[in-house]
Amino acid sequence: QVQLVESGGGLVQFGGSLRLSCTASGFAFSWFNMRWYRQAPGKEREVVAGISRQGGQTNYADSVKGRFTISRDNAKSTLYLQMNDLKPEDTAVYYCNTEIPRQSYWGQGTQVTVSS
């Protein structure tokens, strides 16, 4: 069974940092481009960042560019999101999934709350 388990979220002050992790199991993690997604209250889920299979190419939503860094460790089947200079608008539940997300792959997500 495929599992994607997000962790690392929490409550952080404006301008703070968090590092999110997504541990994958049940599929060939290294075969897939991966993405971080987030969903804020009352809003639709959006793509935050993406990374190619070997990590050589990354892309970011304009809203997080320069502040967030996506990375992966295929040996550990783990996806990371380093989040710096956090802003209140970053408050959301963060999820990982494949580039073309599989409905059954969505996990619980991890809550990120940025306060002043």
C-alpha atoms as a PDB file:
ATOM      1  CA  GLN A   1       0.000   0.000   0.000  1.00  0.00           C
ATOM      2  CA  VAL A   2       1.167   3.472  -0.831  1.00  0.00           C
ATOM      3  CA  GLN A   3       1.719   5.801   2.056  1.00  0.00           C
ATOM      4  CA  LEU A   4       2.883   9.378   2.137  1.00  0.00           C
ATOM      5  CA  VAL A   5       3.402  10.644   5.645  1.00  0.00           C
ATOM      6  CA  GLU A   6       4.043  14.322   6.186  1.00  0.00           C
ATOM      7  CA  SER A   7       5.659  15.679   9.313  1.00  0.00           C
ATOM      8  CA  GLY A   8       7.488  18.683  10.661  1.00  0.00           C
ATOM      9  CA  GLY A   9       4.739  21.252  10.789  1.00  0.00           C
ATOM     10  CA  GLY A  10       3.908  23.374  13.760  1.00  0.00           C
ATOM     11  CA  LEU A  11       3.358  26.858  15.053  1.00  0.00           C
ATOM     12  CA  VAL A  12       6.012  29.365  14.118  1.00  0.00           C
ATOM     13  CA  GLN A  13       6.364  33.120  14.344  1.00  0.00           C
ATOM     14  CA  PHE A  14       6.376  35.451  11.381  1.00  0.00           C
ATOM     15  CA  GLY A  15       9.808  35.165   9.806  1.00  0.00           C
ATOM     16  CA  GLY A  16      10.555  31.792  11.319  1.00  0.00           C
ATOM     17  CA  SER A  17      11.569  28.549   9.687  1.00  0.00           C
ATOM     18  CA  LEU A  18      10.347  24.986   9.485  1.00  0.00           C
ATOM     19  CA  ARG A  19      11.526  21.892   7.695  1.00  0.00           C
ATOM     20  CA  LEU A  20       8.839  19.535   6.477  1.00  0.00           C
ATOM     21  CA  SER A  21       9.408  15.906   5.639  1.00  0.00           C
ATOM     22  CA  CYS A  22       7.388  13.479   3.569  1.00  0.00           C
ATOM     23  CA  THR A  23       8.266   9.826   3.920  1.00  0.00           C
ATOM     24  CA  ALA A  24       7.062   7.583   1.122  1.00  0.00           C
ATOM     25  CA  SER A  25       6.489   3.863   1.035  1.00  0.00           C
ATOM     26  CA  GLY A  26       4.759   1.322  -1.161  1.00  0.00           C
ATOM     27  CA  PHE A  27       5.901   2.630  -4.539  1.00  0.00           C
ATOM     28  CA  ALA A  28       9.048   3.395  -6.487  1.00  0.00           C
ATOM     29  CA  PHE A  29       9.614   6.842  -5.090  1.00  0.00           C
ATOM     30  CA  SER A  30      12.611   7.636  -7.268  1.00  0.00           C
ATOM     31  CA  TRP A  31      10.625   7.122 -10.473  1.00  0.00           C
ATOM     32  CA  PHE A  32       8.402  10.091  -9.883  1.00  0.00           C
ATOM     33  CA  ASN A  33       8.600  13.814  -9.920  1.00  0.00           C
ATOM     34  CA  MET A  34       7.206  14.998  -6.627  1.00  0.00           C
ATOM     35  CA  ARG A  35       5.438  18.070  -5.378  1.00  0.00           C
ATOM     36  CA  TRP A  36       4.506  19.796  -2.192  1.00  0.00           C
ATOM     37  CA  TYR A  37       0.966  21.098  -2.048  1.00  0.00           C
ATOM     38  CA  ARG A  38      -0.854  23.150   0.521  1.00  0.00           C
ATOM     39  CA  GLN A  39      -4.402  24.023   1.370  1.00  0.00           C
ATOM     40  CA  ALA A  40      -5.366  27.013   3.451  1.00  0.00           C
ATOM     41  CA  PRO A  41      -8.746  27.307   5.168  1.00  0.00           C
ATOM     42  CA  GLY A  42     -11.461  28.128   2.670  1.00  0.00           C
ATOM     43  CA  LYS A  43      -9.122  27.842  -0.291  1.00  0.00           C
ATOM     44  CA  GLU A  44      -8.340  25.210  -2.875  1.00  0.00           C
ATOM     45  CA  ARG A  45      -5.234  23.091  -2.700  1.00  0.00           C
ATOM     46  CA  GLU A  46      -2.329  24.602  -4.591  1.00  0.00           C
ATOM     47  CA  VAL A  47       1.108  23.534  -5.734  1.00  0.00           C
ATOM     48  CA  VAL A  48       3.929  24.964  -3.672  1.00  0.00           C
ATOM     49  CA  ALA A  49       7.023  23.392  -5.191  1.00  0.00           C
ATOM     50  CA  GLY A  50       8.087  20.563  -7.462  1.00  0.00           C
ATOM     51  CA  ILE A  51      11.194  18.476  -7.951  1.00  0.00           C
ATOM     52  CA  SER A  52      12.376  16.093 -10.638  1.00  0.00           C
ATOM     53  CA  ARG A  53      13.143  12.442 -10.051  1.00  0.00           C
ATOM     54  CA  GLN A  54      16.812  12.895  -9.229  1.00  0.00           C
ATOM     55  CA  GLY A  55      16.405  16.322  -7.729  1.00  0.00           C
ATOM     56  CA  GLY A  56      18.175  18.145 -10.516  1.00  0.00           C
ATOM     57  CA  GLN A  57      15.293  20.413 -11.394  1.00  0.00           C
ATOM     58  CA  THR A  58      13.027  22.317  -9.066  1.00  0.00           C
ATOM     59  CA  ASN A  59      10.277  24.843  -9.423  1.00  0.00           C
ATOM     60  CA  TYR A  60       8.287  26.999  -7.059  1.00  0.00           C
ATOM     61  CA  ALA A  61       5.125  28.966  -6.828  1.00  0.00           C
ATOM     62  CA  ASP A  62       5.828  32.662  -7.111  1.00  0.00           C
ATOM     63  CA  SER A  63       4.526  33.186  -3.602  1.00  0.00           C
ATOM     64  CA  VAL A  64       7.283  31.058  -2.051  1.00  0.00           C
ATOM     65  CA  LYS A  65      10.150  31.546  -4.478  1.00  0.00           C
ATOM     66  CA  GLY A  66      13.325  32.518  -2.698  1.00  0.00           C
ATOM     67  CA  ARG A  67      12.005  31.405   0.675  1.00  0.00           C
ATOM     68  CA  PHE A  68      11.312  27.689   0.261  1.00  0.00           C
ATOM     69  CA  THR A  69      13.608  24.937  -0.929  1.00  0.00           C
ATOM     70  CA  ILE A  70      12.394  21.534  -2.040  1.00  0.00           C
ATOM     71  CA  SER A  71      14.759  18.577  -1.950  1.00  0.00           C
ATOM     72  CA  ARG A  72      14.670  14.808  -1.840  1.00  0.00           C
ATOM     73  CA  ASP A  73      16.667  11.849  -0.641  1.00  0.00           C
ATOM     74  CA  ASN A  74      15.776   8.892  -2.806  1.00  0.00           C
ATOM     75  CA  ALA A  75      17.794   6.496  -0.665  1.00  0.00           C
ATOM     76  CA  LYS A  76      15.460   7.365   2.193  1.00  0.00           C
ATOM     77  CA  SER A  77      12.349   7.789   0.016  1.00  0.00           C
ATOM     78  CA  THR A  78      11.888  11.162   1.620  1.00  0.00           C
ATOM     79  CA  LEU A  79      10.872  14.548   0.277  1.00  0.00           C
ATOM     80  CA  TYR A  80      11.718  17.732   2.135  1.00  0.00           C
ATOM     81  CA  LEU A  81      10.582  21.313   2.165  1.00  0.00           C
ATOM     82  CA  GLN A  82      12.756  23.860   3.899  1.00  0.00           C
ATOM     83  CA  MET A  83      10.608  26.865   4.675  1.00  0.00           C
ATOM     84  CA  ASN A  84      12.281  30.127   5.646  1.00  0.00           C
ATOM     85  CA  ASP A  85      10.988  33.621   6.269  1.00  0.00           C
ATOM     86  CA  LEU A  86       7.523  32.286   6.874  1.00  0.00           C
ATOM     87  CA  LYS A  87       4.559  34.569   6.465  1.00  0.00           C
ATOM     88  CA  PRO A  88       0.974  34.354   7.716  1.00  0.00           C
ATOM     89  CA  GLU A  89      -0.209  33.542   4.201  1.00  0.00           C
ATOM     90  CA  ASP A  90       1.866  30.360   4.384  1.00  0.00           C
ATOM     91  CA  THR A  91      -0.528  29.021   6.996  1.00  0.00           C
ATOM     92  CA  ALA A  92      -2.015  25.852   5.568  1.00  0.00           C
ATOM     93  CA  VAL A  93      -1.992  22.102   5.700  1.00  0.00           C
ATOM     94  CA  TYR A  94       0.941  20.880   3.641  1.00  0.00           C
ATOM     95  CA  TYR A  95       0.833  17.675   1.628  1.00  0.00           C
ATOM     96  CA  CYS A  96       3.154  15.792  -0.651  1.00  0.00           C
ATOM     97  CA  ASN A  97       2.168  13.834  -3.720  1.00  0.00           C
ATOM     98  CA  THR A  98       3.382  12.921  -7.181  1.00  0.00           C
ATOM     99  CA  GLU A  99       3.572  15.537  -9.902  1.00  0.00           C
ATOM    100  CA  ILE A 100       0.294  14.259 -11.243  1.00  0.00           C
ATOM    101  CA  PRO A 101      -1.292  13.602  -7.882  1.00  0.00           C
ATOM    102  CA  ARG A 102      -2.890  10.284  -7.216  1.00  0.00           C
ATOM    103  CA  GLN A 103      -6.104  10.646  -5.283  1.00  0.00           C
ATOM    104  CA  SER A 104      -5.359   7.642  -3.118  1.00  0.00           C
ATOM    105  CA  TYR A 105      -1.915   8.973  -2.208  1.00  0.00           C
ATOM    106  CA  TRP A 106      -3.082  11.969  -0.197  1.00  0.00           C
ATOM    107  CA  GLY A 107      -2.015  11.647   3.399  1.00  0.00           C
ATOM    108  CA  GLN A 108      -3.000  13.512   6.511  1.00  0.00           C
ATOM    109  CA  GLY A 109      -0.783  16.458   5.757  1.00  0.00           C
ATOM    110  CA  THR A 110       1.032  18.522   8.330  1.00  0.00           C
ATOM    111  CA  GLN A 111      -0.286  21.788   9.705  1.00  0.00           C
ATOM    112  CA  VAL A 112       1.829  24.905   9.405  1.00  0.00           C
ATOM    113  CA  THR A 113       0.620  27.934  11.303  1.00  0.00           C
ATOM    114  CA  VAL A 114       2.468  31.219  11.089  1.00  0.00           C
ATOM    115  CA  SER A 115       1.627  33.793  13.713  1.00  0.00           C
ATOM    116  CA  SER A 116       2.769  37.304  14.464  1.00  0.00           C
END
